[in-house]
Protein backbone atom coordinates (compact mmCIF):
# COMPACT_ATOMS: atom_id res chain seq x y z
CA MET A 1 14.28 2.59 -5.21
CA ASN A 2 14.12 -1.10 -6.12
CA HIS A 3 11.10 -2.51 -4.28
CA ASP A 4 11.95 -6.10 -5.26
CA ASP A 5 14.61 -6.10 -2.52
CA ILE A 6 12.04 -5.38 0.23
CA PRO A 7 10.85 -8.41 2.25
CA HIS A 8 7.40 -9.54 1.13
CA ASP A 9 5.38 -8.70 4.26
CA VAL A 10 7.17 -5.64 5.59
CA LEU A 11 5.03 -2.66 6.62
CA LEU A 12 5.43 0.23 4.18
CA PRO A 13 4.89 3.96 4.78
CA ILE A 14 2.65 5.93 2.44
CA LYS A 15 5.66 7.33 0.52
CA ALA A 16 6.77 3.82 -0.47
CA VAL A 17 3.18 2.83 -1.34
CA CYS A 18 2.89 5.88 -3.61
CA GLU A 19 6.18 4.98 -5.32
CA ILE A 20 5.13 1.37 -5.91
CA MET A 21 1.69 2.37 -7.18
CA ALA A 22 2.96 5.46 -9.06
CA ARG A 23 0.03 7.38 -7.59
CA SER A 24 -0.54 10.26 -5.21
CA LYS A 25 -1.45 9.97 -1.52
CA ALA A 26 -4.87 11.44 -2.31
CA SER A 27 -5.63 8.76 -4.91
CA ILE A 28 -4.52 5.98 -2.53
CA TYR A 29 -6.81 7.31 0.20
CA ARG A 30 -9.69 7.66 -2.29
CA ASP A 31 -9.24 4.00 -3.26
CA ILE A 32 -9.31 3.02 0.43
CA GLN A 33 -12.66 4.81 0.77
CA LYS A 34 -13.97 2.97 -2.32
CA GLY A 35 -12.75 -0.36 -0.91
CA THR A 36 -10.37 -1.03 -3.79
CA PHE A 37 -7.21 -0.60 -1.72
CA PRO A 38 -6.37 -2.12 1.68
CA LYS A 39 -6.77 -0.03 4.81
CA ALA A 40 -3.64 1.02 6.64
CA GLN A 41 -2.48 -0.48 9.88
CA LYS A 42 -1.77 2.15 12.51
CA GLN A 43 1.66 2.08 14.10
CA GLY A 44 1.78 4.81 16.71
CA GLY A 45 0.61 7.87 14.81
CA SER A 46 1.70 6.50 11.44
CA SER A 47 -0.13 4.52 8.79
CA ARG A 48 1.55 1.46 7.30
CA TRP A 49 0.53 -1.07 4.63
CA ARG A 50 1.60 -4.69 4.30
CA ARG A 51 3.70 -5.01 1.14
CA SER A 52 1.95 -8.28 0.31
CA LEU A 53 -1.44 -6.49 0.14
CA VAL A 54 -0.04 -3.63 -1.94
CA MET A 55 1.42 -6.15 -4.38
CA GLN A 56 -1.98 -7.88 -4.61
CA VAL A 57 -3.41 -4.55 -5.82
CA VAL A 58 -0.57 -4.27 -8.36
CA ASP A 59 -1.25 -7.85 -9.54
CA GLY A 60 -5.01 -7.28 -9.68
CA THR A 61 -5.73 -10.00 -7.12
CA TYR A 62 -6.69 -7.81 -4.12
CA GLN A 63 -10.14 -8.47 -2.67
CA ASP A 64 -11.48 -6.50 0.28
């Protein structure tokens, strides 16, 4: 999947976050607990992340 085609501030499910980060769900959730990854926004019973925040982690500019 080409993530460059996704609008910048769309809400992403965990599967897309894992693909972008090339990491497992468990490692993403560990990083949330450590404060090095943004917390999810709840949408109904689902967790979603703003693409802009995920890309800040990729770029090394994310600050909690």
